[in-house]
């Protein structure tokens, strides 16, 4: 562990080991860019969290890469290659996170190294059929994001472009998670569009990952981190050591399977419940997944690790960097001797639990590791929920307006639901990891699970049950908590 750094300005460093920029890399176009400063800093807390996750997932750490496609032929003047190259150069100049790579100190600990400039290669794919340009962009994204980054020798972004009829129709960004989280990726997409269209992206965020690292490792930051971990400690002492304690099946090969449910019924149902109970849509889905895990495993409480954006501070709204970290949300299930409690009864408590967890989601992951190790020694067993929740949609989503959806409408939408297994992989550092993506037309819920704890039929059962709990509740028929184990069992039997 690196010692805390004193806050201060960037410090110029010498020597080829840390000052030579990485090569441009493969690509059909080379773009030069120039920033204003260089220096070394510790990793931010968010970077440390991702670095630890990468270490637990190697060599499959491309799992953490972020990818975005930006259409550029949908509006505005046609974009030629020189104009696109200028926008790319301005984007890397504007955001220091894209000019930062890792170096290892004398004891092998990573530090972030901000470089003033260099060159980057841009992969340009020529697509003769304009109707296929969008698919070509998705295919290019799969290639760019499908391999792990070289964290010390490569810029933390891979850039591609699709050209059709001599014009750039799509930009493609594959991002290393050390450089940005999902919210930061959306900021990059917005800025790149503005730079292409207008030549300027407006006001630049005053804070940077470099400055944030110095602040977090300074006295004030360490005090805030300690207060957050005190909340973690209190909660971890009262919840089950893990949500998935015992293997229930022989693991498959590959061991981790990803189930995917694409539902047109979930967006209106989620919005209806959120509006009716004065909570967020994300809280509705978090509560549904949490109560189903607790019901499946027979726990009196669900301990879930949602990803917190940590962007409540106004000066962090437009920061491109990795601020997101795990929060701990503990949803206690009330005593229910008569079996009368229904899912919607839990939504106010889930909202309060989520707010409490998100407030304690910024801390030093090194000290977090030490906390979990200490509690594990006291309890005589490993302590980790191994139950993750990641709402990857935009942080601020307005609820849809209008009348609540009728049960018949929701039933018709559910008939369009698609369920499949799009991916498998050999190693993921979790047992249950739920991701949400999509928009107002459809919500995609993916569950990556360790098949020793959740076999494929259980993965599909959880996904179907989440849709059932939310949609039935929005239609005025919230399921009883006592019925949830049977709901899961029924879906398992149907899928087996």
Protein backbone atom coordinates (compact mmCIF):
# COMPACT_ATOMS: atom_id res chain seq x y z
CA UNK A 1 0.00 0.00 0.00
CA UNK A 2 1.31 3.42 -0.91
CA UNK A 3 1.50 5.96 1.84
CA UNK A 4 -0.85 8.95 1.83
CA UNK A 5 0.19 11.78 -0.45
CA UNK A 6 0.07 15.42 0.50
CA UNK A 7 -2.33 17.48 -1.57
CA UNK A 8 -0.68 19.83 -4.00
CA UNK A 9 -0.03 20.72 -7.60
CA UNK A 10 1.19 18.27 -10.21
CA UNK A 11 4.89 17.52 -9.98
CA UNK A 12 7.00 17.13 -13.10
CA UNK A 13 8.99 13.90 -13.12
CA UNK A 14 11.95 12.85 -15.20
CA UNK A 15 13.36 9.65 -16.61
CA UNK A 16 12.19 7.53 -19.49
CA UNK A 17 10.63 4.91 -17.21
CA UNK A 18 7.73 7.19 -16.42
CA UNK A 19 7.79 10.07 -18.92
CA UNK A 20 7.87 8.38 -22.31
CA UNK A 21 4.30 8.27 -23.63
CA UNK A 22 3.05 4.92 -24.87
CA UNK A 23 3.15 4.32 -28.61
CA UNK A 24 0.18 5.22 -30.72
CA UNK A 25 -0.70 1.58 -31.18
CA UNK A 26 -2.45 -0.07 -34.10
CA UNK A 27 -4.82 1.93 -36.18
CA UNK A 28 -5.48 3.46 -39.57
CA UNK A 29 -5.23 7.01 -38.26
CA UNK A 30 -2.77 8.53 -35.80
CA UNK A 31 -3.92 11.51 -33.74
CA UNK A 32 -1.54 13.70 -31.75
CA UNK A 33 -2.73 15.56 -28.64
CA UNK A 34 -1.21 17.87 -26.05
CA UNK A 35 -2.26 18.59 -22.48
CA UNK A 36 -0.96 21.06 -19.93
CA UNK A 37 0.60 19.10 -17.07
CA UNK A 38 2.20 15.84 -16.02
CA UNK A 39 2.79 14.18 -12.68
CA UNK A 40 2.35 11.22 -10.35
CA UNK A 41 -0.42 10.62 -7.82
CA UNK A 42 -1.85 7.71 -5.84
CA UNK A 43 -4.81 5.88 -7.29
CA UNK A 44 -8.17 7.35 -6.39
CA UNK A 45 -10.38 5.18 -4.20
CA UNK A 46 -12.47 4.29 -7.22
CA UNK A 47 -9.38 3.28 -9.18
CA UNK A 48 -8.15 1.17 -6.27
CA UNK A 49 -11.49 -0.61 -6.13
CA UNK A 50 -11.35 -1.47 -9.84
CA UNK A 51 -7.67 -2.43 -9.61
CA UNK A 52 -8.47 -4.91 -6.85
CA UNK A 53 -11.35 -6.32 -8.91
CA UNK A 54 -9.08 -6.61 -11.95
CA UNK A 55 -6.57 -8.56 -9.87
CA UNK A 56 -9.26 -11.03 -8.85
CA UNK A 57 -10.45 -11.47 -12.44
CA UNK A 58 -7.23 -11.70 -14.50
CA UNK A 59 -6.92 -12.90 -17.24
CA UNK A 60 -10.61 -12.20 -17.91
CA UNK A 61 -10.38 -8.57 -16.79
CA UNK A 62 -11.67 -7.33 -20.14
CA UNK A 63 -14.98 -8.00 -18.33
CA UNK A 64 -14.61 -4.51 -16.82
CA UNK A 65 -14.07 -2.64 -20.09
CA UNK A 66 -16.70 -0.07 -21.01
CA UNK A 67 -17.92 0.46 -24.55
CA UNK A 68 -19.93 3.15 -26.28
CA UNK A 69 -21.02 3.84 -29.86
CA UNK A 70 -21.81 7.40 -30.97
CA UNK A 71 -23.82 7.85 -34.22
CA UNK A 72 -22.58 10.86 -36.17
CA UNK A 73 -24.64 10.60 -39.35
CA UNK A 74 -27.98 11.10 -37.63
CA UNK A 75 -27.91 14.90 -37.61
CA UNK A 76 -25.74 17.89 -38.46
CA UNK A 77 -23.18 18.34 -41.21
CA UNK A 78 -21.30 15.31 -42.56
CA UNK A 79 -18.14 14.48 -40.59
CA UNK A 80 -14.94 13.90 -42.53
CA UNK A 81 -11.76 12.29 -41.19
CA UNK A 82 -9.84 15.53 -40.45
CA UNK A 83 -12.77 16.93 -38.47
CA UNK A 84 -13.09 13.69 -36.51
CA UNK A 85 -9.36 13.63 -35.79
CA UNK A 86 -9.50 17.19 -34.43
CA UNK A 87 -12.37 16.23 -32.13
CA UNK A 88 -10.48 13.17 -30.84
CA UNK A 89 -7.38 15.28 -30.13
CA UNK A 90 -9.51 17.84 -28.27
CA UNK A 91 -11.21 15.08 -26.25
CA UNK A 92 -7.88 13.68 -24.99
CA UNK A 93 -6.60 17.18 -24.29
CA UNK A 94 -9.76 18.04 -22.37
CA UNK A 95 -9.93 14.97 -20.11
CA UNK A 96 -6.85 14.07 -18.10
CA UNK A 97 -8.20 10.59 -17.33
CA UNK A 98 -7.61 9.63 -20.96
CA UNK A 99 -3.97 10.69 -20.68
CA UNK A 100 -3.28 8.67 -17.53
CA UNK A 101 -1.72 5.23 -17.28
CA UNK A 102 -0.29 3.20 -14.42
CA UNK A 103 3.28 2.96 -13.19
CA UNK A 104 4.50 0.67 -10.43
CA UNK A 105 6.51 2.12 -7.56
CA UNK A 106 9.54 0.55 -5.95
CA UNK A 107 7.42 -1.98 -4.02
CA UNK A 108 5.14 -2.81 -6.94
CA UNK A 109 2.19 -0.63 -5.91
CA UNK A 110 0.39 1.10 -8.81
CA UNK A 111 0.24 4.86 -9.10
CA UNK A 112 -1.42 6.99 -11.72
CA UNK A 113 0.86 8.83 -14.11
CA UNK A 114 -0.62 11.82 -15.90
CA UNK A 115 1.08 12.58 -19.23
CA UNK A 116 0.89 15.88 -21.05
CA UNK A 117 0.58 14.51 -24.55
CA UNK A 118 1.35 11.89 -27.13
CA UNK A 119 -0.31 10.05 -30.00
CA UNK A 120 -3.14 7.56 -30.23
CA UNK A 121 -4.10 5.21 -33.03
CA UNK A 122 -7.66 5.25 -34.32
CA UNK A 123 -9.04 2.17 -36.06
CA UNK A 124 -11.09 3.19 -39.10
CA UNK A 125 -13.44 0.61 -40.60
CA UNK A 126 -14.71 1.28 -44.12
CA UNK A 127 -18.28 0.07 -44.64
CA UNK A 128 -19.50 0.29 -48.25
CA UNK A 129 -23.15 -0.35 -47.30
CA UNK A 130 -24.59 2.63 -45.36
CA UNK A 131 -27.38 0.44 -44.02
CA UNK A 132 -24.80 -1.73 -42.24
CA UNK A 133 -22.83 1.13 -40.67
CA UNK A 134 -24.53 0.76 -37.28
CA UNK A 135 -23.87 -2.97 -37.12
CA UNK A 136 -20.30 -2.40 -38.26
CA UNK A 137 -19.84 -0.02 -35.34
CA UNK A 138 -21.14 -2.61 -32.88
CA UNK A 139 -18.83 -5.22 -34.38
CA UNK A 140 -15.87 -2.87 -34.09
CA UNK A 141 -16.77 -2.14 -30.48
CA UNK A 142 -16.77 -5.87 -29.71
CA UNK A 143 -13.24 -6.12 -31.10
CA UNK A 144 -11.88 -3.06 -29.29
CA UNK A 145 -13.50 -3.83 -25.93
CA UNK A 146 -13.03 -7.59 -26.11
CA UNK A 147 -9.41 -7.74 -24.95
CA UNK A 148 -7.74 -6.59 -21.77
CA UNK A 149 -5.82 -3.33 -21.58
CA UNK A 150 -2.09 -3.09 -21.02
CA UNK A 151 -2.41 -0.84 -17.99
CA UNK A 152 1.17 0.49 -17.98
CA UNK A 153 1.88 0.78 -21.71
CA UNK A 154 -1.44 1.63 -23.36
CA UNK A 155 -3.67 4.68 -23.26
CA UNK A 156 -6.84 3.78 -21.32
CA UNK A 157 -9.10 4.34 -24.33
CA UNK A 158 -9.31 2.64 -27.71
CA UNK A 159 -10.96 4.69 -30.42
CA UNK A 160 -12.55 3.50 -33.61
CA UNK A 161 -14.61 4.98 -36.39
CA UNK A 162 -16.86 3.65 -39.14
CA UNK A 163 -16.56 5.41 -42.48
CA UNK A 164 -19.14 5.06 -45.22
CA UNK A 165 -19.29 7.08 -48.41
CA UNK A 166 -16.16 8.94 -47.34
CA UNK A 167 -17.79 10.24 -44.12
CA UNK A 168 -17.53 9.14 -40.50
CA UNK A 169 -20.90 7.70 -39.51
CA UNK A 170 -20.08 6.30 -36.05
CA UNK A 171 -17.47 6.82 -33.36
CA UNK A 172 -16.54 3.89 -31.12
CA UNK A 173 -14.99 4.19 -27.64
CA UNK A 174 -13.65 1.26 -25.62
CA UNK A 175 -12.63 2.46 -22.16
CA UNK A 176 -10.47 0.98 -19.45
CA UNK A 177 -12.47 1.06 -16.21
CA UNK A 178 -9.47 2.62 -14.44
CA UNK A 179 -10.06 5.73 -16.55
CA UNK A 180 -13.82 6.05 -16.30
CA UNK A 181 -16.99 4.63 -14.86
CA UNK A 182 -20.29 4.44 -16.70
CA UNK A 183 -21.31 8.02 -15.92
CA UNK A 184 -17.95 9.32 -17.09
CA UNK A 185 -18.38 7.38 -20.34
CA UNK A 186 -21.63 9.23 -20.97
CA UNK A 187 -19.83 12.55 -20.37
CA UNK A 188 -17.21 11.54 -22.93
CA UNK A 189 -19.88 10.68 -25.47
CA UNK A 190 -21.59 14.03 -24.94
CA UNK A 191 -18.32 15.94 -25.23
CA UNK A 192 -17.19 14.08 -28.34
CA UNK A 193 -20.49 14.87 -30.05
CA UNK A 194 -20.15 18.55 -29.16
CA UNK A 195 -16.52 18.66 -30.28
CA UNK A 196 -17.43 17.09 -33.63
CA UNK A 197 -20.45 19.32 -34.19
CA UNK A 198 -19.34 22.63 -32.68
CA UNK A 199 -15.61 22.37 -32.10
CA UNK A 200 -16.12 23.08 -28.40
CA UNK A 201 -17.65 21.21 -25.45
CA UNK A 202 -18.16 24.17 -23.13
CA UNK A 203 -17.12 24.49 -19.51
CA UNK A 204 -14.60 21.93 -18.29
CA UNK A 205 -15.07 20.20 -14.94
CA UNK A 206 -12.74 21.92 -12.47
CA UNK A 207 -11.88 18.72 -10.60
CA UNK A 208 -9.78 15.89 -12.05
CA UNK A 209 -8.89 12.34 -10.98
CA UNK A 210 -5.34 13.53 -10.31
CA UNK A 211 -6.51 16.23 -7.88
CA UNK A 212 -9.14 13.94 -6.37
CA UNK A 213 -6.48 11.35 -5.55
CA UNK A 214 -4.42 13.87 -3.59
CA UNK A 215 -7.55 15.03 -1.73
CA UNK A 216 -8.72 11.52 -0.86
CA UNK A 217 -5.32 10.53 0.50
CA UNK A 218 -5.04 13.73 2.53
CA UNK A 219 -6.31 14.20 6.11
CA UNK A 220 -9.86 15.31 5.24
CA UNK A 221 -10.35 12.48 2.80
CA UNK A 222 -9.11 9.88 5.24
CA UNK A 223 -11.54 11.13 7.89
CA UNK A 224 -14.46 10.79 5.47
CA UNK A 225 -13.33 7.32 4.48
CA UNK A 226 -13.09 6.21 8.10
CA UNK A 227 -16.62 7.42 8.83
CA UNK A 228 -17.95 5.46 5.83
CA UNK A 229 -16.20 2.27 6.91
CA UNK A 230 -17.60 2.62 10.42
CA UNK A 231 -21.05 2.30 8.86
CA UNK A 232 -19.92 -0.78 6.92
CA UNK A 233 -18.55 -2.36 10.07
CA UNK A 234 -21.83 -1.93 11.96
CA UNK A 235 -23.85 -3.49 9.14
CA UNK A 236 -21.46 -6.37 8.40
CA UNK A 237 -21.58 -7.50 12.01
CA UNK A 238 -25.35 -8.08 11.86
CA UNK A 239 -25.95 -9.66 8.43
CA UNK A 240 -25.27 -13.21 7.23
CA UNK A 241 -21.59 -13.62 6.29
CA UNK A 242 -22.61 -14.16 2.68
CA UNK A 243 -25.79 -14.42 0.67
CA UNK A 244 -24.69 -17.66 -1.02
CA UNK A 245 -23.01 -19.88 1.54
CA UNK A 246 -23.19 -23.41 0.16
CA UNK A 247 -22.61 -24.76 -3.36
CA UNK A 248 -25.71 -26.53 -4.69
CA UNK A 249 -24.41 -28.04 -7.93
CA UNK A 250 -21.30 -29.05 -9.81
CA UNK A 251 -19.99 -25.91 -11.52
CA UNK A 252 -20.33 -25.75 -15.28
CA UNK A 253 -17.45 -25.20 -17.66
CA UNK A 254 -17.04 -22.26 -18.14
CA UNK A 255 -18.07 -21.69 -14.55
CA UNK A 256 -19.87 -18.34 -14.84
CA UNK A 257 -23.00 -17.99 -16.98
CA UNK A 258 -24.77 -14.77 -17.87
CA UNK A 259 -28.54 -14.88 -18.22
CA UNK A 260 -30.32 -12.03 -19.94
CA UNK A 261 -33.95 -10.88 -19.79
CA UNK A 262 -35.14 -8.14 -22.15
CA UNK A 263 -38.52 -6.83 -21.01
CA UNK A 264 -40.76 -4.15 -22.47
CA UNK A 265 -43.06 -4.54 -19.46
CA UNK A 266 -40.50 -3.55 -16.85
CA UNK A 267 -39.99 0.16 -17.74
CA UNK A 268 -43.65 1.22 -17.28
CA UNK A 269 -44.09 -1.09 -14.29
CA UNK A 270 -40.97 0.21 -12.54
CA UNK A 271 -41.96 3.83 -13.15
CA UNK A 272 -45.48 3.20 -11.87
CA UNK A 273 -44.22 1.70 -8.60
CA UNK A 274 -41.59 4.39 -8.14
CA UNK A 275 -44.18 7.16 -8.55
CA UNK A 276 -46.74 5.47 -6.33
CA UNK A 277 -44.31 4.82 -3.46
CA UNK A 278 -42.11 7.93 -3.82
CA UNK A 279 -38.90 5.99 -4.42
CA UNK A 280 -36.53 5.70 -7.36
CA UNK A 281 -36.95 3.13 -10.09
CA UNK A 282 -33.53 1.75 -9.25
CA UNK A 283 -34.72 1.15 -5.67
CA UNK A 284 -37.71 -0.83 -6.97
CA UNK A 285 -35.43 -3.18 -8.90
CA UNK A 286 -32.87 -3.37 -6.09
CA UNK A 287 -35.62 -4.35 -3.65
CA UNK A 288 -37.03 -6.98 -6.01
CA UNK A 289 -33.68 -8.66 -6.55
CA UNK A 290 -32.79 -8.44 -2.84
CA UNK A 291 -35.99 -10.01 -1.51
CA UNK A 292 -35.73 -12.83 -4.04
CA UNK A 293 -32.15 -13.60 -2.99
CA UNK A 294 -33.20 -13.60 0.67
CA UNK A 295 -36.20 -15.81 -0.08
CA UNK A 296 -34.13 -18.22 -2.15
CA UNK A 297 -31.43 -18.59 0.50
CA UNK A 298 -33.63 -18.39 3.59
CA UNK A 299 -32.06 -15.24 5.02
CA UNK A 300 -33.85 -12.79 7.36
CA UNK A 301 -32.07 -9.91 5.62
CA UNK A 302 -30.52 -9.25 2.24
CA UNK A 303 -27.06 -7.69 2.03
CA UNK A 304 -26.50 -6.31 -1.46
CA UNK A 305 -23.58 -4.41 -2.99
CA UNK A 306 -24.96 -1.86 -5.45
CA UNK A 307 -22.57 0.30 -7.40
CA UNK A 308 -22.74 3.88 -6.12
CA UNK A 309 -21.88 6.66 -8.54
CA UNK A 310 -20.52 9.00 -5.82
CA UNK A 311 -21.44 12.04 -7.88
CA UNK A 312 -23.72 13.90 -5.51
CA UNK A 313 -21.18 16.72 -5.25
CA UNK A 314 -21.88 19.27 -7.98
CA UNK A 315 -18.20 19.50 -8.99
CA UNK A 316 -18.15 15.76 -9.73
CA UNK A 317 -21.16 15.66 -12.08
CA UNK A 318 -19.04 16.08 -15.24
CA UNK A 319 -15.82 14.51 -14.03
CA UNK A 320 -14.47 11.78 -16.29
CA UNK A 321 -12.92 9.26 -13.95
CA UNK A 322 -13.74 6.27 -11.80
CA UNK A 323 -15.72 7.48 -8.81
CA UNK A 324 -18.08 4.53 -8.49
CA UNK A 325 -17.57 2.11 -5.61
CA UNK A 326 -19.53 -0.61 -3.85
CA UNK A 327 -22.16 0.48 -1.36
CA UNK A 328 -23.66 -1.88 1.22
CA UNK A 329 -27.45 -1.92 1.34
CA UNK A 330 -29.04 -4.08 4.04
CA UNK A 331 -32.74 -4.78 3.59
CA UNK A 332 -34.21 -6.38 6.70
CA UNK A 333 -37.26 -8.55 6.13
CA UNK A 334 -39.92 -7.96 8.79
CA UNK A 335 -41.38 -10.78 10.84
CA UNK A 336 -44.36 -12.19 8.93
CA UNK A 337 -46.00 -14.94 11.00
CA UNK A 338 -49.31 -14.62 9.16
CA UNK A 339 -47.82 -14.37 5.67
CA UNK A 340 -49.56 -11.06 4.95
CA UNK A 341 -46.63 -8.83 4.01
CA UNK A 342 -46.40 -8.06 0.30
CA UNK A 343 -43.50 -6.80 -1.79
CA UNK A 344 -44.64 -3.19 -1.98
CA UNK A 345 -44.70 -2.98 1.84
CA UNK A 346 -40.88 -3.09 1.71
CA UNK A 347 -40.31 -0.20 -0.70
CA UNK A 348 -40.12 2.63 1.88
CA UNK A 349 -37.59 0.66 3.94
CA UNK A 350 -35.63 -0.22 0.81
CA UNK A 351 -35.43 3.48 -0.10
CA UNK A 352 -34.08 4.40 3.35
CA UNK A 353 -31.60 1.51 3.29
CA UNK A 354 -30.36 2.50 -0.16
CA UNK A 355 -29.81 6.12 0.86
CA UNK A 356 -27.88 5.03 3.95
CA UNK A 357 -25.72 2.70 1.90
CA UNK A 358 -24.95 5.24 -0.80
CA UNK A 359 -23.87 7.81 1.79
CA UNK A 360 -21.14 5.40 2.94
CA UNK A 361 -19.88 4.40 -0.50
CA UNK A 362 -16.64 6.42 -0.71
CA UNK A 363 -13.69 4.90 1.18
CA UNK A 364 -10.22 3.49 0.72
CA UNK A 365 -10.52 -0.09 -0.65
CA UNK A 366 -7.28 -1.08 1.09
CA UNK A 367 -8.83 -0.25 4.44
CA UNK A 368 -12.06 -1.94 3.30
CA UNK A 369 -10.15 -5.17 2.66
CA UNK A 370 -8.61 -4.93 6.13
CA UNK A 371 -12.05 -4.39 7.67
CA UNK A 372 -13.52 -7.48 6.02
CA UNK A 373 -10.50 -9.56 7.01
CA UNK A 374 -10.82 -8.47 10.63
CA UNK A 375 -14.54 -9.26 10.83
CA UNK A 376 -13.90 -12.62 9.16
CA UNK A 377 -11.38 -13.52 11.85
CA UNK A 378 -13.86 -12.57 14.55
CA UNK A 379 -16.72 -14.56 12.98
CA UNK A 380 -14.56 -17.50 11.98
CA UNK A 381 -15.68 -17.44 8.34
CA UNK A 382 -15.30 -15.38 5.19
CA UNK A 383 -17.45 -12.24 5.22
CA UNK A 384 -18.58 -10.92 1.84
CA UNK A 385 -22.13 -10.67 0.45
CA UNK A 386 -21.13 -11.84 -3.05
CA UNK A 387 -24.35 -10.24 -4.24
CA UNK A 388 -23.94 -7.25 -6.56
CA UNK A 389 -26.34 -4.86 -8.24
CA UNK A 390 -25.35 -2.38 -10.94
CA UNK A 391 -27.86 0.01 -12.50
CA UNK A 392 -25.91 1.21 -15.53
CA UNK A 393 -28.60 3.56 -16.82
CA UNK A 394 -28.27 7.33 -16.56
CA UNK A 395 -28.21 8.49 -12.96
CA UNK A 396 -30.98 11.05 -13.37
CA UNK A 397 -33.96 9.49 -15.15
CA UNK A 398 -37.28 11.32 -15.25
CA UNK A 399 -40.24 9.06 -14.56
CA UNK A 400 -42.70 8.68 -17.42
CA UNK A 401 -45.86 10.69 -17.09
CA UNK A 402 -49.42 9.62 -17.67
CA UNK A 403 -51.82 7.00 -16.41
CA UNK A 404 -50.58 3.89 -14.66
CA UNK A 405 -50.31 0.91 -17.02
CA UNK A 406 -53.28 -1.41 -17.01
CA UNK A 407 -52.83 -5.06 -16.22
CA UNK A 408 -53.83 -6.05 -19.76
CA UNK A 409 -51.23 -3.70 -21.22
CA UNK A 410 -48.49 -5.12 -19.02
CA UNK A 411 -49.52 -8.68 -19.84
CA UNK A 412 -49.29 -7.93 -23.54
CA UNK A 413 -45.83 -6.40 -23.09
CA UNK A 414 -44.67 -9.42 -21.10
CA UNK A 415 -45.47 -11.69 -24.02
CA UNK A 416 -42.61 -9.94 -25.85
CA UNK A 417 -40.04 -10.74 -23.14
CA UNK A 418 -36.88 -12.47 -24.37
CA UNK A 419 -34.77 -14.71 -22.15
CA UNK A 420 -31.42 -16.23 -23.12
CA UNK A 421 -27.80 -16.93 -22.12
CA UNK A 422 -25.62 -14.57 -24.18
CA UNK A 423 -22.25 -15.24 -22.54
CA UNK A 424 -20.13 -17.47 -20.35
CA UNK A 425 -16.71 -16.95 -18.82
CA UNK A 426 -14.32 -18.78 -16.59
CA UNK A 427 -13.74 -16.31 -13.78
CA UNK A 428 -15.71 -13.51 -12.13
CA UNK A 429 -15.13 -12.37 -8.55
CA UNK A 430 -18.76 -12.71 -7.50
CA UNK A 431 -21.58 -15.25 -7.19
CA UNK A 432 -24.54 -13.06 -8.17
CA UNK A 433 -24.01 -9.93 -10.23
CA UNK A 434 -27.07 -8.15 -11.65
CA UNK A 435 -26.75 -5.44 -14.31
CA UNK A 436 -29.45 -3.11 -15.64
CA UNK A 437 -29.32 -1.35 -19.00
CA UNK A 438 -31.92 0.00 -21.40
CA UNK A 439 -34.33 2.87 -21.84
CA UNK A 440 -38.05 3.63 -21.75
CA UNK A 441 -38.84 1.05 -24.42
CA UNK A 442 -37.18 -2.00 -22.84
CA UNK A 443 -35.12 -2.90 -19.81
CA UNK A 444 -32.31 -5.44 -20.12
CA UNK A 445 -31.54 -7.31 -16.91
CA UNK A 446 -28.45 -9.53 -16.97
CA UNK A 447 -27.43 -11.86 -14.16
CA UNK A 448 -23.90 -13.27 -14.15
CA UNK A 449 -23.70 -16.08 -11.62
CA UNK A 450 -21.39 -18.78 -10.31
CA UNK A 451 -23.08 -21.95 -11.49
CA UNK A 452 -21.95 -23.79 -8.34
CA UNK A 453 -24.31 -21.56 -6.36
CA UNK A 454 -26.86 -20.60 -9.02
CA UNK A 455 -27.17 -23.18 -11.81
CA UNK A 456 -28.50 -21.96 -15.17
CA UNK A 457 -32.12 -22.83 -14.31
CA UNK A 458 -31.81 -20.74 -11.12
CA UNK A 459 -30.35 -17.82 -13.08
CA UNK A 460 -33.36 -17.77 -15.39
CA UNK A 461 -35.71 -18.25 -12.44
CA UNK A 462 -34.37 -15.15 -10.69
CA UNK A 463 -34.68 -13.06 -13.85
CA UNK A 464 -38.26 -14.18 -14.51
CA UNK A 465 -39.18 -13.68 -10.86
CA UNK A 466 -37.86 -10.10 -10.85
CA UNK A 467 -40.11 -9.31 -13.80
CA UNK A 468 -43.07 -11.07 -12.15
CA UNK A 469 -42.67 -9.31 -8.80
CA UNK A 470 -42.41 -5.85 -10.35
CA UNK A 471 -45.06 -6.23 -13.05
CA UNK A 472 -47.58 -7.93 -10.78
CA UNK A 473 -47.07 -5.20 -8.16
CA UNK A 474 -47.62 -2.45 -10.75
CA UNK A 475 -50.83 -4.22 -11.85
CA UNK A 476 -52.14 -4.10 -8.27
CA UNK A 477 -51.29 -7.68 -7.31
CA UNK A 478 -48.09 -7.44 -5.24
CA UNK A 479 -46.89 -10.94 -4.33
CA UNK A 480 -46.66 -11.99 -0.72
CA UNK A 481 -43.14 -12.47 0.61
CA UNK A 482 -44.17 -15.92 1.82
CA UNK A 483 -44.89 -16.93 -1.79
CA UNK A 484 -41.52 -15.94 -3.26
CA UNK A 485 -39.67 -19.24 -2.61
CA UNK A 486 -42.46 -21.07 -4.44
CA UNK A 487 -42.36 -18.55 -7.29
CA UNK A 488 -38.64 -19.21 -7.79
CA UNK A 489 -39.10 -22.97 -7.53
CA UNK A 490 -41.85 -22.90 -10.15
CA UNK A 491 -39.70 -21.01 -12.63
CA UNK A 492 -36.79 -23.38 -11.96
CA UNK A 493 -38.96 -26.38 -12.70
CA UNK A 494 -40.27 -24.79 -15.88
CA UNK A 495 -36.74 -24.07 -17.11
CA UNK A 496 -35.20 -27.41 -16.23
